[in-house]
Protein backbone atom coordinates (compact mmCIF):
# COMPACT_ATOMS: atom_id res chain seq x y z
CA MET A 1 -15.12 126.47 -49.84
CA LYS A 2 -14.08 123.68 -52.23
CA LYS A 3 -9.84 124.09 -51.83
CA ALA A 4 -10.07 123.60 -48.15
CA ALA A 5 -11.49 120.46 -48.22
CA ALA A 6 -9.37 119.10 -50.94
CA LEU A 7 -6.19 120.75 -48.20
CA ILE A 8 -8.05 119.40 -45.30
CA CYS A 9 -8.66 116.03 -47.50
CA VAL A 10 -4.85 115.71 -48.03
CA LEU A 11 -3.77 116.81 -44.59
CA ALA A 12 -6.15 113.82 -43.20
CA GLY A 13 -4.38 111.53 -45.62
CA ALA A 14 -0.83 112.90 -45.04
CA LEU A 15 -2.02 111.91 -41.10
CA ILE A 16 -2.65 108.83 -41.94
CA VAL A 17 0.68 108.32 -44.12
CA ILE A 18 2.38 109.58 -40.95
CA SER A 19 0.46 107.38 -38.55
CA GLN A 20 1.18 104.23 -40.43
CA THR A 21 4.90 104.82 -40.54
CA SER A 22 5.43 103.02 -37.12
CA PRO A 23 8.73 101.86 -35.29
CA PRO A 24 10.02 98.17 -35.71
CA ARG A 25 7.90 96.20 -33.84
CA GLU A 26 9.44 95.44 -30.30
CA GLN A 27 9.36 91.43 -29.63
CA VAL A 28 9.90 89.51 -26.61
CA GLY A 29 13.69 87.84 -27.02
CA PRO A 30 17.46 88.15 -27.71
CA LEU A 31 18.43 91.37 -28.30
CA GLN A 32 21.05 93.13 -31.53
CA ASP A 33 23.06 94.05 -28.05
CA GLY A 34 23.22 91.47 -26.66
CA GLY A 35 20.65 91.66 -23.99
CA PHE A 36 17.17 90.26 -23.60
CA LEU A 37 13.50 91.21 -23.88
CA LEU A 38 11.22 90.07 -20.84
CA ASN A 39 8.13 89.73 -21.11
CA SER A 40 7.96 92.92 -18.40
CA GLY A 41 8.79 95.33 -20.95
CA TRP A 42 12.49 95.38 -19.28
CA THR A 43 15.72 94.57 -20.82
CA ILE A 44 18.37 92.63 -19.10
CA ARG A 45 21.41 93.11 -19.98
CA PRO A 46 24.13 90.75 -17.27
CA ALA A 47 27.94 90.59 -17.04
CA GLY A 48 29.50 88.07 -16.83
CA ARG A 49 29.18 84.38 -17.45
CA GLN A 50 25.96 81.72 -17.09
CA VAL A 51 26.53 78.86 -15.39
CA SER A 52 22.89 76.67 -15.28
CA LEU A 53 21.46 75.65 -12.16
CA ASP A 54 17.90 74.45 -11.57
CA THR A 55 14.24 76.06 -10.66
CA PHE A 56 14.74 79.11 -8.62
CA PRO A 57 17.80 79.25 -6.52
CA MET A 58 17.68 81.47 -3.22
CA ALA A 59 20.56 80.57 -1.03
CA SER A 60 24.46 80.39 -1.41
CA VAL A 61 27.40 79.38 0.98
CA LEU A 62 31.29 78.75 -0.09
CA SER A 63 32.67 76.00 1.37
CA LYS A 64 35.32 77.01 4.79
CA ASP A 65 38.75 75.88 2.74
CA GLY A 66 36.32 78.38 0.26
CA LYS A 67 37.11 75.90 -3.39
CA TYR A 68 33.36 75.14 -4.09
CA LEU A 69 30.66 76.92 -3.51
CA LEU A 70 26.87 75.34 -2.68
CA ILE A 71 23.68 76.59 -4.10
CA LEU A 72 20.16 75.77 -2.45
CA ASN A 73 17.71 75.06 -5.23
CA GLY A 74 14.18 75.66 -4.17
CA GLY A 75 11.21 76.30 -6.57
CA TYR A 76 8.94 74.60 -8.73
CA LYS A 77 11.35 71.09 -9.07
CA PRO A 78 12.07 68.93 -6.45
CA PRO A 79 15.09 71.09 -3.65
CA SER A 80 18.23 70.26 -4.36
CA VAL A 81 22.02 71.21 -3.31
CA SER A 82 24.48 72.76 -6.68
CA VAL A 83 27.65 72.30 -5.43
CA LEU A 84 29.78 74.07 -8.30
CA ARG A 85 34.41 74.84 -8.72
CA VAL A 86 34.43 78.66 -7.32
CA ASP A 87 37.61 78.10 -9.95
CA THR A 88 36.17 77.14 -13.13
CA MET A 89 32.60 77.94 -11.52
CA GLU A 90 32.05 73.94 -13.18
CA GLU A 91 28.81 72.24 -11.42
CA THR A 92 30.52 69.48 -10.19
CA SER A 93 27.72 67.98 -8.69
CA ARG A 94 23.94 67.96 -7.64
CA THR A 95 22.59 66.22 -4.30
CA PRO A 96 18.59 65.56 -4.22
CA VAL A 97 16.68 67.57 -0.55
CA ALA A 98 13.48 66.01 0.63
CA ASP A 99 12.67 69.71 0.89
CA GLY A 100 14.61 73.37 1.55
CA TRP A 101 13.56 76.79 1.73
CA LEU A 102 16.52 79.78 2.72
CA GLY A 103 17.80 77.42 5.78
CA LEU A 104 22.09 76.88 3.96
CA THR A 105 24.81 76.64 6.20
CA PHE A 106 28.05 74.59 6.96
CA SER A 107 29.67 73.52 10.10
CA PRO A 108 31.99 76.08 12.23
CA ASP A 109 34.74 73.04 11.37
CA GLY A 110 33.27 73.01 7.16
CA LYS A 111 32.55 69.36 7.56
CA LYS A 112 28.57 68.96 7.89
CA LEU A 113 26.27 70.86 5.81
CA TYR A 114 22.75 71.73 7.36
CA VAL A 115 19.30 72.38 4.63
CA GLY A 116 16.17 74.61 6.43
CA GLY A 117 13.82 71.16 5.69
CA GLY A 118 10.73 74.18 4.79
CA SER A 119 7.46 72.00 4.57
CA ARG A 120 9.04 68.79 6.59
CA ALA A 121 9.64 70.97 9.04
CA SER A 122 13.25 68.74 9.43
CA VAL A 123 17.03 70.44 9.67
CA PHE A 124 18.65 68.21 6.66
CA GLU A 125 22.51 67.12 7.89
CA PHE A 126 25.02 66.52 4.82
CA ASP A 127 28.82 65.30 5.22
CA TRP A 128 31.11 67.31 3.26
CA ALA A 129 34.42 66.44 2.64
CA ASP A 130 36.84 66.68 -0.65
CA GLY A 131 34.28 68.64 -3.01
CA LYS A 132 30.87 65.98 -1.87
CA LEU A 133 28.05 65.24 -0.24
CA GLU A 134 26.57 62.62 1.59
CA PRO A 135 23.07 62.53 2.79
CA ALA A 136 23.30 61.92 7.22
CA ARG A 137 20.56 63.09 9.40
CA THR A 138 17.73 63.95 9.73
CA LEU A 139 17.39 66.14 12.45
CA THR A 140 13.58 66.41 13.29
CA ILE A 141 11.70 68.96 14.53
CA ILE A 142 8.14 68.22 14.28
CA PRO A 143 7.46 64.58 13.91
CA GLU A 144 5.81 63.77 10.61
CA GLU A 145 2.10 62.55 12.63
CA LYS A 146 1.72 66.00 13.82
CA ARG A 147 2.78 67.65 11.16
CA ALA A 148 0.88 70.88 9.62
CA ALA A 149 1.05 73.32 7.75
CA THR A 150 2.10 75.80 9.21
CA ASP A 151 4.99 74.24 9.98
CA PHE A 152 7.29 74.90 8.26
CA ILE A 153 10.93 75.83 8.41
CA GLY A 154 13.29 77.96 6.95
CA ASP A 155 16.53 79.28 7.89
CA VAL A 156 19.35 77.54 10.00
CA ALA A 157 22.19 79.01 12.47
CA ILE A 158 24.72 77.07 14.09
CA SER A 159 26.25 78.88 16.88
CA PRO A 160 29.99 79.77 16.83
CA ASP A 161 31.47 76.45 19.59
CA GLY A 162 29.37 74.13 16.52
CA ARG A 163 27.17 72.66 19.33
CA MET A 164 23.69 73.91 18.55
CA LEU A 165 21.46 74.41 15.39
CA HIS A 166 18.98 77.19 15.29
CA ALA A 167 16.31 76.86 12.67
CA ALA A 168 13.40 79.60 12.07
CA GLY A 169 10.39 78.34 12.86
CA LEU A 170 8.08 80.52 10.35
CA PHE A 171 4.45 80.18 10.94
CA HIS A 172 5.01 79.71 14.86
CA ASN A 173 6.82 82.71 15.61
CA ALA A 174 10.37 81.51 17.06
CA VAL A 175 13.25 79.99 16.38
CA HIS A 176 14.00 76.30 17.27
CA VAL A 177 16.97 75.04 18.93
CA ILE A 178 18.45 72.09 18.32
CA ASN A 179 22.00 70.25 20.59
CA LEU A 180 23.59 68.46 17.07
CA GLN A 181 25.53 66.04 19.74
CA SER A 182 22.14 63.93 19.88
CA GLY A 183 20.49 65.47 17.12
CA ARG A 184 17.03 66.43 19.36
CA VAL A 185 14.85 69.38 19.47
CA ILE A 186 15.63 70.41 23.23
CA GLU A 187 14.22 74.85 22.87
CA LYS A 188 11.85 76.22 21.44
CA TRP A 189 11.97 80.47 21.84
CA GLU A 190 9.79 82.96 20.76
CA THR A 191 11.12 85.77 18.63
CA GLY A 192 9.60 88.08 15.61
CA ARG A 193 6.19 87.28 13.60
CA ARG A 194 7.48 85.61 10.59
CA PRO A 195 11.45 85.29 10.95
CA TYR A 196 13.47 85.62 8.42
CA ARG A 197 17.63 85.36 8.63
CA ILE A 198 19.46 84.53 12.16
CA LEU A 199 22.66 86.00 13.09
CA PHE A 200 24.82 84.85 15.68
CA HIS A 201 26.64 87.16 17.39
CA PRO A 202 30.49 87.13 16.45
CA ASP A 203 30.68 85.98 20.91
CA GLY A 204 28.42 83.09 20.36
CA LYS A 205 26.45 84.32 23.84
CA SER A 206 23.61 86.22 21.27
CA TYR A 207 21.92 86.01 18.28
CA PHE A 208 20.11 88.25 15.65
CA VAL A 209 16.11 87.74 13.68
CA SER A 210 14.94 89.35 11.27
CA SER A 211 11.35 90.06 11.46
CA TRP A 212 9.57 89.70 7.94
CA ALA A 213 6.51 90.99 9.47
CA ASP A 214 6.93 93.97 12.13
CA GLY A 215 9.58 94.91 10.11
CA SER A 216 11.80 94.73 13.12
CA VAL A 217 15.61 93.59 14.13
CA TYR A 218 15.32 91.61 17.43
CA HIS A 219 18.60 90.57 19.75
CA HIS A 220 18.15 86.98 22.11
CA SER A 221 19.85 85.40 24.13
CA ALA A 222 21.71 82.25 23.59
CA ASN A 223 21.39 80.68 26.36
CA ASN A 224 17.87 81.05 27.00
CA GLY A 225 16.27 82.19 23.95
CA GLU A 226 15.71 85.73 25.79
CA ARG A 227 14.77 89.15 24.05
CA LEU A 228 17.90 91.56 24.73
CA GLY A 229 16.48 94.34 22.62
CA VAL A 230 14.48 95.18 19.28
CA VAL A 231 15.40 97.82 16.71
CA ARG A 232 12.41 99.05 14.17
CA LEU A 233 13.29 99.64 10.46
CA GLY A 234 11.11 99.24 7.46
CA PRO A 235 8.66 96.61 5.88
CA HIS A 236 9.83 93.31 5.17
CA PRO A 237 13.96 93.20 6.63
CA THR A 238 15.71 90.54 5.00
CA ASP A 239 18.64 89.68 4.75
CA ILE A 240 21.67 90.20 7.65
CA VAL A 241 25.42 90.64 7.78
CA TRP A 242 28.04 91.78 10.72
CA ARG A 243 30.43 94.09 10.41
CA ALA A 244 33.08 94.80 13.07
CA ARG A 245 35.00 97.82 13.90
CA LYS A 246 38.51 98.19 12.60
CA ALA A 247 41.37 98.67 15.15
CA GLU A 248 42.24 101.84 12.69
CA GLU A 249 38.48 102.93 13.20
CA ASN A 250 39.09 105.05 16.34
CA ARG A 251 36.96 108.39 15.14
CA GLU A 252 34.80 109.08 18.39
CA GLU A 253 31.34 108.29 16.42
CA GLN A 254 32.46 104.95 14.93
CA ALA A 255 34.26 103.86 18.51
CA ARG A 256 31.38 104.12 20.01
CA TRP A 257 30.19 100.58 18.19
CA THR A 258 31.88 97.29 18.07
CA GLY A 259 30.27 96.11 15.66
CA ARG A 260 27.73 97.14 12.73
CA LEU A 261 24.65 94.87 11.25
CA PHE A 262 23.75 95.77 8.18
CA VAL A 263 19.88 94.54 6.88
CA SER A 264 18.29 94.90 3.11
CA ALA A 265 14.41 95.93 4.20
CA ALA A 266 13.16 94.02 0.72
CA ASN A 267 9.36 96.63 0.18
CA THR A 268 12.26 99.87 0.95
CA ASN A 269 14.49 100.46 -0.87
CA ASN A 270 16.73 100.80 1.48
CA VAL A 271 19.80 99.04 3.57
CA TYR A 272 19.14 99.45 7.16
CA VAL A 273 22.41 99.98 9.80
CA VAL A 274 22.67 99.11 13.40
CA GLY A 275 25.07 100.10 15.13
CA VAL A 276 26.19 97.55 18.18
CA THR A 277 27.67 98.50 21.65
CA GLU A 278 29.93 97.22 23.47
CA SER A 279 26.62 96.04 26.18
CA LYS A 280 25.41 94.97 23.17
CA ASP A 281 22.58 97.74 22.71
CA LEU A 282 21.81 98.67 19.37
CA LYS A 283 20.09 101.64 17.85
CA MET A 284 19.66 102.45 14.25
CA ILE A 285 22.39 104.88 13.47
CA GLU A 286 21.93 105.15 9.12
CA SER A 287 19.81 104.41 6.56
CA VAL A 288 21.74 103.76 2.81
CA ASN A 289 19.75 104.39 0.09
CA VAL A 290 20.08 101.24 -2.90
CA ALA A 291 17.09 103.89 -5.24
CA LEU A 292 19.03 104.96 -8.56
CA THR A 293 17.69 108.14 -8.39
CA ALA A 294 16.44 110.18 -5.84
CA ARG A 295 12.95 110.13 -6.15
CA MET A 296 12.53 106.84 -7.51
CA PRO A 297 9.84 104.56 -5.71
CA ALA A 298 9.75 101.63 -3.68
CA GLY A 299 10.42 98.51 -6.10
CA MET A 300 14.19 98.13 -5.83
CA THR A 301 14.32 95.05 -3.26
CA PRO A 302 17.16 95.14 -1.53
CA THR A 303 17.05 91.38 -0.55
CA ALA A 304 19.55 89.65 0.04
CA LEU A 305 23.68 90.67 1.10
CA ALA A 306 27.76 90.15 1.32
CA MET A 307 30.83 91.71 1.65
CA ASN A 308 33.74 91.36 0.04
CA THR A 309 37.14 90.01 1.99
CA ASP A 310 38.39 93.15 3.28
CA GLU A 311 34.99 94.54 4.73
CA SER A 312 35.40 97.44 2.83
CA LYS A 313 32.27 96.71 0.16
CA LEU A 314 29.15 95.83 0.70
CA PHE A 315 26.59 94.03 -2.09
CA VAL A 316 22.75 94.08 -1.33
CA VAL A 317 20.83 92.48 -4.21
CA CYS A 318 18.03 94.33 -5.68
CA SER A 319 15.57 90.94 -7.01
CA ASP A 320 13.28 93.92 -9.05
CA ALA A 321 15.77 95.76 -10.80
CA ASN A 322 17.91 93.14 -11.85
CA ALA A 323 21.12 94.57 -9.93
CA VAL A 324 23.42 94.15 -7.16
CA GLY A 325 24.14 97.67 -5.89
CA VAL A 326 27.93 97.65 -4.69
CA VAL A 327 28.19 100.00 -0.82
CA ASP A 328 31.39 101.64 0.00
CA ILE A 329 31.30 100.89 4.38
CA SER A 330 34.75 101.54 4.87
CA GLU A 331 33.78 105.20 6.56
CA GLU A 332 31.23 106.82 9.05
CA SER A 333 29.20 106.88 6.68
CA SER A 334 28.47 104.38 3.95
CA ALA A 335 28.05 105.44 0.21
CA VAL A 336 26.43 103.55 -3.18
CA PHE A 337 29.45 103.02 -5.62
CA GLY A 338 27.63 102.31 -8.47
CA PHE A 339 25.81 98.27 -9.87
CA VAL A 340 26.06 95.91 -11.79
CA PRO A 341 23.22 94.43 -13.83
CA THR A 342 22.52 90.90 -13.46
CA GLY A 343 19.95 88.23 -14.56
CA TRP A 344 16.45 88.25 -13.31
CA TYR A 345 15.51 88.76 -10.45
CA PRO A 346 18.71 87.53 -8.25
CA THR A 347 18.21 85.97 -5.02
CA ALA A 348 21.72 85.70 -3.97
CA VAL A 349 25.57 87.18 -4.24
CA ARG A 350 28.66 86.00 -3.45
CA SER A 351 32.42 88.21 -2.26
CA LEU A 352 35.43 85.31 -4.00
CA ALA A 353 38.53 85.82 -2.29
CA ASP A 354 40.08 87.00 -5.67
CA GLY A 355 37.48 90.46 -5.78
CA ARG A 356 34.84 88.42 -7.89
CA LEU A 357 31.30 88.66 -7.37
CA VAL A 358 28.61 84.97 -7.81
CA VAL A 359 25.75 86.19 -8.17
CA VAL A 360 22.06 83.99 -8.37
CA ASN A 361 19.18 84.51 -10.72
CA GLY A 362 16.15 83.26 -9.63
CA ARG A 363 14.77 83.11 -13.42
CA GLY A 364 17.67 82.85 -15.48
CA LEU A 365 18.22 84.86 -18.77
CA ARG A 366 15.52 84.92 -20.40
CA SER A 367 12.07 84.18 -20.36
CA LEU A 368 11.29 81.64 -22.71
CA ALA A 369 7.33 80.16 -24.47
CA ASN A 370 5.88 77.21 -23.35
CA PRO A 371 2.94 76.56 -25.96
CA ASN A 372 2.34 73.31 -24.55
CA GLY A 373 1.75 74.73 -21.16
CA PRO A 374 -1.36 74.21 -19.37
CA ASN A 375 -4.69 74.56 -20.58
CA PRO A 376 -7.69 75.31 -18.97
CA THR A 377 -9.56 73.85 -21.54
CA VAL A 378 -7.97 70.18 -22.22
CA ARG A 379 -7.78 67.62 -19.26
CA PRO A 380 -4.18 66.94 -18.85
CA ALA A 381 -3.58 63.09 -19.43
CA PRO A 382 -1.76 61.24 -16.40
CA LEU A 383 1.97 60.80 -17.27
CA HIS A 384 2.30 57.26 -16.89
CA LEU A 385 -0.15 56.78 -20.20
CA GLY A 386 2.30 58.47 -22.44
CA GLY A 387 0.99 62.28 -22.50
CA PRO A 388 3.09 65.22 -23.11
CA ILE A 389 4.89 66.83 -20.03
CA VAL A 390 2.88 70.68 -19.45
CA GLN A 391 5.74 73.27 -20.45
CA TYR A 392 4.59 75.43 -16.91
CA VAL A 393 6.73 77.96 -17.41
CA GLY A 394 8.18 77.37 -12.78
CA ARG A 395 10.15 73.70 -15.01
CA VAL A 396 10.87 75.41 -18.78
CA LEU A 397 12.52 79.23 -17.16
CA ARG A 398 17.07 78.59 -16.91
CA ILE A 399 17.87 79.06 -13.50
CA THR A 400 21.48 80.63 -13.71
CA CYS A 401 24.47 82.64 -11.72
CA ARG A 402 26.53 84.45 -13.18
CA ARG A 403 30.28 85.30 -12.29
CA CYS A 404 31.24 88.85 -12.60
CA GLY A 405 34.25 90.54 -12.61
CA ARG A 406 35.74 93.42 -10.25
CA THR A 407 33.42 95.63 -9.78
CA ALA A 408 35.68 98.12 -7.33
CA THR A 409 36.62 100.37 -9.86
CA ALA A 410 35.19 103.38 -10.74
CA ALA A 411 35.19 103.49 -14.53
CA ALA A 412 33.47 99.72 -14.21
CA ALA A 413 30.99 101.17 -11.65
CA LYS A 414 30.39 104.33 -14.06
CA ARG A 415 29.88 101.73 -17.24
CA MET A 416 27.42 98.88 -15.27
CA THR A 417 25.67 100.99 -13.13
CA THR A 418 25.08 103.05 -17.03
CA LYS A 419 23.70 99.43 -17.66
CA VAL A 420 21.76 99.67 -15.14
CA ALA A 421 19.59 102.70 -15.79
CA ARG A 422 18.96 101.72 -19.19
């Protein structure tokens, strides 16, 4: 009995020693391989090089000549539009905007920029020349004296002839139409609940609206706002891009469609493909799963889309996966090609003429400590008395965009996809 008791004590001691021999403590911050451990427990190892922006950039647009990339910053700090040279990715200017949320577009002639004015219930117009922005008109949708919290403007789109601007009224479930010659609102047309993106049909005679709350895409006449059709997709449709059928795509199935709409749905792992016939009938013809594995639950959060110049590849921003999916859309059926690792919570992507990608990251490349952050036990001193600035997380995060190398080769796609999976 004594020997057995002694053996038990030895084993117990051994177990204690083993339990005390734990792996090195992981700590939020830079990793030896160049990545970063986030406070969520995830790691990021983004491709490309970093360019600093302002807080929470959410939309981007290329100038007509392709020489400049403009990015709308709409986070905690006052909104602004950053102007970057495409060749060097150097930020050349940052122009303040009274307010802004998602809407960012050029006029067809490339001489005017328009920004959806968020809580200001307006659209802000800027003159654009020689890589510089100059404030022009404020196109007021709801006068300030009548404005309420529900008067909020998001996306903006201009008819191909440049005459009419359409603005999404998120909480009115409507599209406001502005005559750009007079600068006045001339119509307010009903659409689905919480309109997110507006996209014109190439002929300019109709437009499509993604409805956050309805999980659908609506099709309207540009002449009178009449609903021409609606197609049910999945929860939280966000971005929409149009791909016209190419002349060489004459297979029977492809010939049915004059074009295809690709629609990301943020509360799924899917990009939905909607076929559009010559008579403008809509039909959901494909669902592209951008999950990393076959049984992966929802969580990729596809929020934004872009195509390359020949429209053979679709780039899908997967915000909660910190990745951009690359999808081959050149055939009748789409196929996921691979994934590109990005910074923290990507929000927009652009494909450049030279084959490179620019990815806009909503939270930058890392988390940051804020030891002087808000303290519930201390009443903050007014700033005019010389008190320290509170280190609120939304202010201290360094937001970025990244220019990535070419992603079309199989070897590059495999290498980067492995990194995303890690």
